[in-house]
Protein backbone atom coordinates (compact mmCIF):
# COMPACT_ATOMS: atom_id res chain seq x y z
CA MET A 1 110.47 60.91 106.50
CA THR A 2 113.79 62.22 107.83
CA LYS A 3 113.74 65.97 108.36
CA ARG A 4 116.66 67.73 106.73
CA ARG A 5 118.45 70.41 108.77
CA VAL A 6 118.05 74.00 107.59
CA VAL A 7 120.53 76.79 108.30
CA VAL A 8 120.73 80.53 107.60
CA THR A 9 123.72 81.43 105.40
CA GLY A 10 122.95 84.93 104.08
CA LEU A 11 121.23 88.13 105.18
CA GLY A 12 120.04 91.21 103.27
CA ALA A 13 118.00 94.21 104.34
CA VAL A 14 116.64 97.59 103.31
CA THR A 15 115.12 99.28 106.36
CA PRO A 16 114.30 102.67 107.87
CA LEU A 17 117.52 102.29 109.89
CA GLY A 18 119.81 101.63 106.93
CA ASN A 19 120.12 100.13 103.48
CA ASP A 20 122.06 97.06 104.55
CA VAL A 21 122.16 94.60 107.44
CA GLU A 22 125.29 96.00 109.07
CA THR A 23 123.99 99.58 109.36
CA THR A 24 120.55 98.41 110.49
CA TRP A 25 121.85 96.00 113.13
CA LYS A 26 124.30 98.58 114.52
CA ALA A 27 121.43 101.05 114.92
CA ILE A 28 119.29 98.41 116.63
CA LYS A 29 122.02 97.62 119.15
CA GLU A 30 122.43 101.35 119.84
CA GLY A 31 118.69 101.85 120.30
CA LYS A 32 118.42 104.35 117.44
CA SER A 33 115.11 105.15 115.78
CA GLY A 34 114.34 105.04 112.07
CA VAL A 35 111.10 106.94 112.58
CA GLY A 36 110.80 110.50 111.27
CA PRO A 37 108.27 112.98 109.90
CA LEU A 38 105.93 111.64 107.23
CA THR A 39 107.42 112.99 103.97
CA ARG A 40 106.62 110.47 101.24
CA ILE A 41 103.07 111.83 101.04
CA ASP A 42 101.43 115.07 102.19
CA ALA A 43 101.24 114.75 105.97
CA GLU A 44 98.76 117.64 106.19
CA GLN A 45 96.04 115.31 104.87
CA PHE A 46 96.38 112.79 107.70
CA PRO A 47 96.10 112.72 111.49
CA ALA A 48 99.20 110.47 111.60
CA LYS A 49 102.30 112.61 111.12
CA VAL A 50 105.23 110.18 111.44
CA ALA A 51 106.52 107.19 109.48
CA ALA A 52 109.54 104.90 109.29
CA GLU A 53 110.70 105.64 105.75
CA VAL A 54 113.60 104.13 103.82
CA LYS A 55 116.17 106.86 103.17
CA ASP A 56 118.71 107.48 100.37
CA PHE A 57 117.91 104.23 98.59
CA ASP A 58 118.96 103.92 94.94
CA ILE A 59 117.69 100.87 93.06
CA GLU A 60 120.05 101.70 90.18
CA ALA A 61 122.92 100.54 92.37
CA TYR A 62 121.47 97.04 91.83
CA ILE A 63 119.69 96.94 88.47
CA PRO A 64 119.48 99.16 85.36
CA ARG A 65 116.98 102.02 85.37
CA LYS A 66 115.08 100.56 82.43
CA GLU A 67 114.31 97.39 84.39
CA ALA A 68 113.59 99.26 87.62
CA ARG A 69 110.87 101.32 85.94
CA LYS A 70 108.87 98.11 85.41
CA MET A 71 108.76 97.39 89.16
CA ASP A 72 106.96 98.84 92.17
CA ARG A 73 109.04 100.13 95.05
CA PHE A 74 108.30 97.05 97.22
CA THR A 75 109.92 94.91 94.53
CA HIS A 76 112.92 97.26 94.43
CA TYR A 77 113.42 96.68 98.15
CA ALA A 78 113.04 92.90 97.84
CA LEU A 79 115.40 92.63 94.90
CA ALA A 80 118.09 94.77 96.54
CA ALA A 81 117.85 92.83 99.83
CA SER A 82 117.97 89.52 97.93
CA ILE A 83 121.06 90.57 95.98
CA MET A 84 122.73 91.51 99.28
CA ALA A 85 121.70 88.23 100.91
CA VAL A 86 122.93 86.04 98.05
CA LYS A 87 126.25 87.92 98.02
CA ASP A 88 126.53 87.61 101.81
CA ALA A 89 125.97 83.86 101.48
CA GLY A 90 128.80 83.60 98.95
CA LEU A 91 126.34 81.75 96.76
CA GLU A 92 126.79 81.42 93.01
CA ILE A 93 123.49 80.32 91.54
CA THR A 94 124.61 78.34 88.50
CA PRO A 95 122.05 76.74 86.15
CA GLU A 96 122.51 73.47 88.04
CA ILE A 97 122.10 75.06 91.49
CA GLY A 98 119.23 77.17 90.15
CA LEU A 99 117.12 74.05 89.64
CA ARG A 100 117.32 73.42 93.41
CA THR A 101 116.99 77.09 94.49
CA GLY A 102 113.58 78.53 95.28
CA VAL A 103 112.12 81.90 96.23
CA TRP A 104 109.38 82.61 98.77
CA ILE A 105 108.92 86.32 99.49
CA GLY A 106 105.78 87.65 101.13
CA SER A 107 104.06 91.03 100.99
CA GLY A 108 100.95 92.15 102.79
CA ILE A 109 99.87 94.88 100.36
CA GLY A 110 102.14 94.63 97.30
CA GLY A 111 102.25 97.45 94.75
CA MET A 112 99.87 99.91 96.38
CA GLU A 113 101.83 102.90 95.09
CA THR A 114 101.61 101.59 91.52
CA TYR A 115 97.87 100.99 91.92
CA GLU A 116 97.27 104.57 93.03
CA GLN A 117 99.42 106.10 90.29
CA GLN A 118 97.81 104.06 87.54
CA PHE A 119 94.27 104.62 88.79
CA ARG A 120 94.99 108.35 88.73
CA ASN A 121 96.17 107.97 85.13
CA PHE A 122 92.96 106.13 84.27
CA LEU A 123 90.71 108.79 85.82
CA GLU A 124 92.56 111.73 84.30
CA LYS A 125 93.66 110.37 80.91
CA GLY A 126 91.70 107.20 80.18
CA GLN A 127 92.39 103.52 79.65
CA ARG A 128 95.12 103.97 77.06
CA ARG A 129 97.34 105.75 79.58
CA VAL A 130 97.34 102.83 82.02
CA SER A 131 100.76 101.17 81.93
CA PRO A 132 100.99 97.70 80.34
CA PHE A 133 103.14 96.85 83.37
CA PHE A 134 100.41 97.88 85.82
CA VAL A 135 99.27 94.38 86.81
CA PRO A 136 102.73 92.74 87.03
CA MET A 137 104.00 95.73 89.02
CA MET A 138 101.09 95.66 91.48
CA ILE A 139 100.57 92.01 92.38
CA PRO A 140 102.19 90.95 95.69
CA ASP A 141 103.91 87.86 94.25
CA MET A 142 106.01 89.92 91.84
CA ALA A 143 108.83 90.49 94.33
CA ALA A 144 109.35 86.73 94.39
CA GLY A 145 108.89 86.56 90.63
CA GLN A 146 111.50 89.22 89.88
CA VAL A 147 114.00 87.71 92.32
CA SER A 148 113.50 84.30 90.71
CA ILE A 149 114.11 85.77 87.26
CA HIS A 150 117.15 87.76 88.38
CA PHE A 151 118.95 84.74 89.83
CA GLY A 152 117.59 81.96 87.63
CA ALA A 153 116.06 80.31 90.71
CA LYS A 154 113.81 77.61 89.27
CA ALA A 155 112.58 75.61 92.26
CA ILE A 156 109.36 76.62 94.03
CA ASN A 157 108.54 80.31 93.52
CA SER A 158 105.86 81.56 95.91
CA CYS A 159 104.50 84.38 98.05
CA SER A 160 102.59 84.35 101.31
CA VAL A 161 100.03 87.15 101.66
CA THR A 162 99.03 86.99 105.31
CA ALA A 163 99.04 90.68 106.24
CA CYS A 164 101.66 91.44 108.90
CA ALA A 165 102.58 87.76 109.17
CA SER A 166 103.56 87.53 105.48
CA GLY A 167 107.34 87.63 105.99
CA THR A 168 107.32 85.11 108.83
CA ASN A 169 104.96 82.75 107.02
CA SER A 170 107.15 82.97 103.92
CA ILE A 171 110.31 82.03 105.84
CA GLY A 172 108.48 79.25 107.67
CA ASP A 173 107.05 77.83 104.45
CA ALA A 174 110.47 78.08 102.77
CA PHE A 175 112.00 76.26 105.75
CA LYS A 176 109.55 73.40 105.23
CA VAL A 177 110.37 73.25 101.48
CA ILE A 178 114.02 72.52 102.28
CA GLU A 179 113.24 70.31 105.26
CA ARG A 180 111.16 67.96 103.13
CA GLY A 181 113.67 67.91 100.26
CA ASP A 182 112.01 69.98 97.53
CA ALA A 183 114.88 72.48 97.36
CA ASP A 184 118.39 72.95 98.74
CA VAL A 185 118.39 76.76 98.88
CA MET A 186 115.58 79.28 99.45
CA ILE A 187 115.68 83.07 99.08
CA THR A 188 112.98 84.16 101.49
CA GLY A 189 111.53 86.95 103.61
CA GLY A 190 109.20 89.90 103.08
CA ALA A 191 108.94 93.26 101.33
CA GLU A 192 106.60 96.22 101.67
CA ALA A 193 106.24 99.82 100.45
CA PRO A 194 102.91 100.89 102.02
CA ILE A 195 103.52 104.58 102.70
CA THR A 196 100.96 105.75 100.16
CA ASN A 197 97.90 107.98 100.37
CA MET A 198 95.31 105.19 100.39
CA ALA A 199 97.19 102.84 102.72
CA VAL A 200 97.87 105.56 105.28
CA ALA A 201 94.28 106.84 104.94
CA GLY A 202 92.94 103.35 105.56
CA PHE A 203 95.08 102.73 108.62
CA CYS A 204 94.15 106.17 109.98
CA SER A 205 90.47 105.44 109.45
CA ASN A 206 90.64 102.21 111.44
CA THR A 207 92.63 104.03 114.15
CA ALA A 208 95.61 101.68 113.89
CA LEU A 209 98.28 104.39 113.50
CA THR A 210 99.73 106.42 116.36
CA LEU A 211 98.74 110.07 116.64
CA ASN A 212 101.92 110.84 118.60
CA GLN A 213 103.73 113.46 116.51
CA ASP A 214 107.14 113.00 118.15
CA PRO A 215 109.15 110.66 115.89
CA GLN A 216 111.48 109.64 118.71
CA THR A 217 108.73 108.37 121.02
CA ALA A 218 105.84 107.53 118.68
CA SER A 219 106.50 103.77 118.60
CA ARG A 220 106.33 102.59 122.21
CA PRO A 221 105.46 98.87 122.45
CA PHE A 222 104.22 97.60 125.83
CA ASP A 223 104.18 101.15 127.25
CA ALA A 224 101.01 102.22 129.04
CA ASN A 225 100.72 105.26 126.75
CA ARG A 226 100.99 103.41 123.44
CA ASP A 227 98.29 104.43 120.98
CA GLY A 228 99.06 102.76 117.66
CA PHE A 229 101.82 101.68 115.31
CA VAL A 230 104.17 103.69 113.10
CA ILE A 231 103.92 102.62 109.47
CA GLY A 232 107.22 101.52 107.92
CA GLU A 233 108.70 100.15 104.71
CA GLY A 234 111.56 98.01 103.45
CA SER A 235 112.60 94.40 103.07
CA GLY A 236 114.32 91.66 105.02
CA ILE A 237 115.64 88.59 103.17
CA VAL A 238 117.42 85.49 104.46
CA ILE A 239 119.10 82.67 102.59
CA LEU A 240 118.01 79.30 103.94
CA GLU A 241 120.09 76.31 102.99
CA GLU A 242 120.13 72.60 103.64
CA TYR A 243 122.86 71.97 106.21
CA GLU A 244 124.98 69.50 104.22
CA HIS A 245 124.72 71.69 101.11
CA ALA A 246 126.01 74.66 103.11
CA VAL A 247 128.84 72.70 104.73
CA LYS A 248 129.94 71.20 101.42
CA ARG A 249 130.53 74.63 99.90
CA GLY A 250 132.12 76.04 103.07
CA ALA A 251 129.38 78.57 103.76
CA LYS A 252 129.34 80.65 106.95
CA ILE A 253 126.34 79.77 109.07
CA TYR A 254 124.47 82.38 111.11
CA GLY A 255 122.07 80.01 112.82
CA GLU A 256 119.64 77.16 112.36
CA VAL A 257 115.87 77.17 111.79
CA VAL A 258 114.38 74.43 113.95
CA GLY A 259 110.67 75.17 114.33
CA TYR A 260 107.68 76.82 112.66
CA GLY A 261 104.11 77.34 113.81
CA SER A 262 101.20 78.91 111.95
CA THR A 263 97.60 79.21 113.14
CA GLY A 264 94.34 81.07 112.54
CA ASP A 265 92.29 82.97 115.11
CA ALA A 266 88.91 82.49 113.39
CA HIS A 267 87.79 85.46 115.45
CA HIS A 268 87.87 88.95 113.92
CA ILE A 269 89.24 90.73 110.82
CA THR A 270 91.54 93.03 112.81
CA ALA A 271 91.36 92.25 116.55
CA PRO A 272 93.41 89.37 118.01
CA ALA A 273 91.65 86.40 119.57
CA PRO A 274 90.86 86.74 123.30
CA GLU A 275 93.88 86.18 125.53
CA GLY A 276 96.04 85.78 122.40
CA GLU A 277 94.83 82.20 122.02
CA GLY A 278 95.87 81.89 118.35
CA ALA A 279 99.33 83.37 118.95
CA ALA A 280 99.85 80.95 121.83
CA ARG A 281 99.09 77.98 119.61
CA ALA A 282 101.51 79.22 116.94
CA MET A 283 104.33 79.51 119.48
CA LYS A 284 103.55 76.08 120.90
CA GLN A 285 103.54 74.58 117.40
CA ALA A 286 106.99 76.01 116.70
CA ILE A 287 108.33 74.66 119.99
CA ASP A 288 106.80 71.23 119.38
CA ASP A 289 108.12 71.23 115.81
CA ALA A 290 111.64 71.75 117.19
CA GLY A 291 111.16 69.04 119.80
CA ILE A 292 112.44 71.15 122.69
CA ASN A 293 111.11 72.33 126.03
CA ALA A 294 109.65 75.82 126.28
CA THR A 295 112.05 76.56 129.14
CA GLU A 296 115.00 76.37 126.71
CA ILE A 297 113.94 79.55 124.91
CA GLY A 298 115.84 82.63 126.08
CA TYR A 299 114.51 85.40 123.84
CA ILE A 300 111.38 86.33 121.90
CA ASN A 301 111.34 88.96 119.18
CA ALA A 302 107.75 90.06 119.77
CA HIS A 303 105.27 91.20 117.17
CA GLY A 304 104.94 94.15 119.56
CA THR A 305 103.20 96.69 117.36
CA SER A 306 102.60 99.40 119.99
CA THR A 307 98.82 98.99 119.71
CA PRO A 308 96.79 98.50 122.89
CA TYR A 309 95.34 95.10 121.98
CA ASN A 310 98.31 93.46 120.29
CA ASP A 311 100.85 94.10 123.04
CA LEU A 312 98.47 93.00 125.79
CA PHE A 313 97.29 89.82 124.08
CA GLU A 314 100.78 88.83 122.91
CA THR A 315 101.95 89.20 126.51
CA LYS A 316 99.08 86.98 127.65
CA ALA A 317 99.90 84.44 124.94
CA VAL A 318 103.50 84.23 126.13
CA LYS A 319 102.30 83.63 129.68
CA THR A 320 99.98 80.87 128.44
CA VAL A 321 102.77 79.05 126.60
CA PHE A 322 105.65 79.56 129.03
CA GLY A 323 103.99 79.74 132.44
CA GLU A 324 106.49 80.83 135.10
CA HIS A 325 109.30 80.80 132.53
CA ALA A 326 107.63 83.79 130.86
CA TYR A 327 109.18 85.89 133.63
CA ASN A 328 112.64 84.40 133.08
CA LEU A 329 113.00 84.91 129.34
CA ALA A 330 113.66 88.21 127.58
CA MET A 331 111.24 89.66 125.03
CA SER A 332 111.54 92.82 122.98
CA SER A 333 109.92 94.69 120.12
CA THR A 334 112.34 96.07 117.54
CA LYS A 335 109.37 97.89 116.00
CA SER A 336 110.11 100.54 118.62
CA MET A 337 113.00 101.47 116.28
CA THR A 338 112.00 100.25 112.81
CA GLY A 339 108.30 101.02 112.92
CA HIS A 340 105.97 98.38 111.55
CA LEU A 341 107.01 97.10 108.12
CA LEU A 342 103.77 95.08 107.76
CA GLY A 343 104.51 92.13 105.43
CA ALA A 344 108.26 92.82 105.62
CA ALA A 345 108.38 92.88 109.43
CA GLY A 346 108.90 89.13 109.80
CA GLY A 347 111.84 89.24 107.39
CA ILE A 348 113.85 91.85 109.26
CA GLU A 349 112.85 90.47 112.66
CA ALA A 350 114.10 87.02 111.65
CA ILE A 351 117.43 88.69 110.87
CA PHE A 352 117.48 90.37 114.28
CA SER A 353 116.65 87.07 115.99
CA VAL A 354 119.47 85.22 114.22
CA LEU A 355 121.98 87.98 114.97
CA ALA A 356 120.88 88.06 118.63
CA LEU A 357 121.76 84.36 118.84
CA LYS A 358 125.04 84.71 116.95
CA GLU A 359 126.35 87.73 118.87
CA GLY A 360 124.74 87.18 122.26
CA ILE A 361 123.09 90.61 122.15
CA LEU A 362 119.37 91.07 122.82
CA PRO A 363 117.78 94.05 121.02
CA PRO A 364 115.94 96.55 123.20
CA THR A 365 112.39 97.82 123.35
CA MET A 366 112.86 101.58 123.24
CA ASN A 367 110.49 104.24 124.63
CA LEU A 368 109.23 101.95 127.40
CA GLU A 369 108.81 104.67 130.01
CA THR A 370 105.46 104.10 131.75
CA ALA A 371 104.77 100.59 132.98
CA ASP A 372 101.54 98.94 131.91
CA PRO A 373 100.56 96.72 134.86
CA GLU A 374 99.17 94.11 132.45
CA CYS A 375 102.37 94.06 130.36
CA ASP A 376 104.71 92.94 133.11
CA LEU A 377 107.36 90.79 131.42
CA ASP A 378 111.04 91.52 130.75
CA TYR A 379 110.93 93.62 127.56
CA VAL A 380 114.67 94.55 127.54
CA ALA A 381 113.64 98.14 128.17
CA ASN A 382 115.55 101.06 126.62
CA GLY A 383 118.92 99.42 125.98
CA ALA A 384 120.39 96.30 124.39
CA ARG A 385 121.61 93.53 126.69
CA GLU A 386 124.48 91.10 126.38
CA LYS A 387 123.27 87.56 127.03
CA GLU A 388 124.16 84.19 125.54
CA ILE A 389 121.05 82.29 124.46
CA THR A 390 120.50 79.02 122.60
CA TYR A 391 116.99 79.49 121.19
CA ALA A 392 115.10 82.57 119.96
CA LEU A 393 111.48 82.81 118.87
CA SER A 394 110.15 85.40 116.41
CA ASN A 395 106.41 86.19 116.31
CA SER A 396 104.25 87.85 113.65
CA LEU A 397 100.49 88.38 113.91
CA GLY A 398 98.35 89.73 111.09
CA PHE A 399 94.92 91.14 110.26
CA GLY A 400 92.62 88.28 109.33
CA GLY A 401 93.74 86.22 112.31
CA HIS A 402 97.10 85.06 110.94
CA ASN A 403 99.65 83.96 113.56
CA ALA A 404 103.16 82.76 112.75
CA SER A 405 106.19 81.87 114.87
CA LEU A 406 109.72 80.92 113.85
CA LEU A 407 112.18 79.21 116.17
CA PHE A 408 115.90 79.69 115.64
CA LYS A 409 118.83 77.90 117.30
CA LYS A 410 122.34 79.16 117.90
CA PHE A 411 124.81 77.40 115.63
């Protein structure tokens, strides 16, 4: 079977750094942080005091209030980012095009806020006060469902739920849908709104969140003093399109998707496999899928969560795959600025990877102040770097042993 080429033609984002791609990317290049005090819930109840919250977002700028009330906040973010991405792509999804347009948007947790609100209603007021929209608002696939309905996208409509790898798995799976010929266009990425009482309580209980109370330095991937991640929220959506389809309609092309790898650790529910073995295999799969040499890759957007185990084992995985070239390529964690958007992380980090290729600017890892002797690669510390590269890899690793890597090529 001949593999069809797949390109990126549209970008959309709602992030802690801004409610569009332009504002977010500008902040990334300037090394600005989207982390602030935890305000969405009562911070006094939790040992973690900071979060990367979306600010000044108004869903009514995109859809009527009546419709918005039937959706959880994670779906609001996904729908807004999708509307931006489709507009950016200059794509008119007619009934004919809709038959060949699919949606694949992942979420790690889904409508946690809706679940908590409705359970409170049930406890305080009884079954009759539970919303009839409770289930369709809560389930993680509803972001994809609502986007499909909004645009009349009638090809495959799916959702990957692979914890923090959800966004990357979704884009990779959507890439394969087009590559094999089952669709011409895919609206894909991730969305998450996990800053809720139960989600934050759970992450605090398993000691995953940072206890650093300084918003500006709390997220510090690869730093010796890192102590956990900063929880974030938002959505990152890309439009993937079959190359000839994009060229025929005169679309602008940001970059090309050329490889995808996805593996399982089969090791532990939260800890990565020893030496990052599963992550290494995912990266190698993506490289082999693209049919290139590992030495051709110039940049890696790391999963880089700012947790002790992840950063160490991802570094080891890179060394396993790239050998001596690991010290020649650049690698950074944009989570130092965005926080960790869980299932949405892979969506926005795919956007950053594509823009790094297009503009020749490598995003920095901020707050890297104290060297960890075991994390000794080039992490583009504390400032963006101008460098022309041909290939960029984006990694996402999730609870449950999910590993996913996407490989992008400069167009």
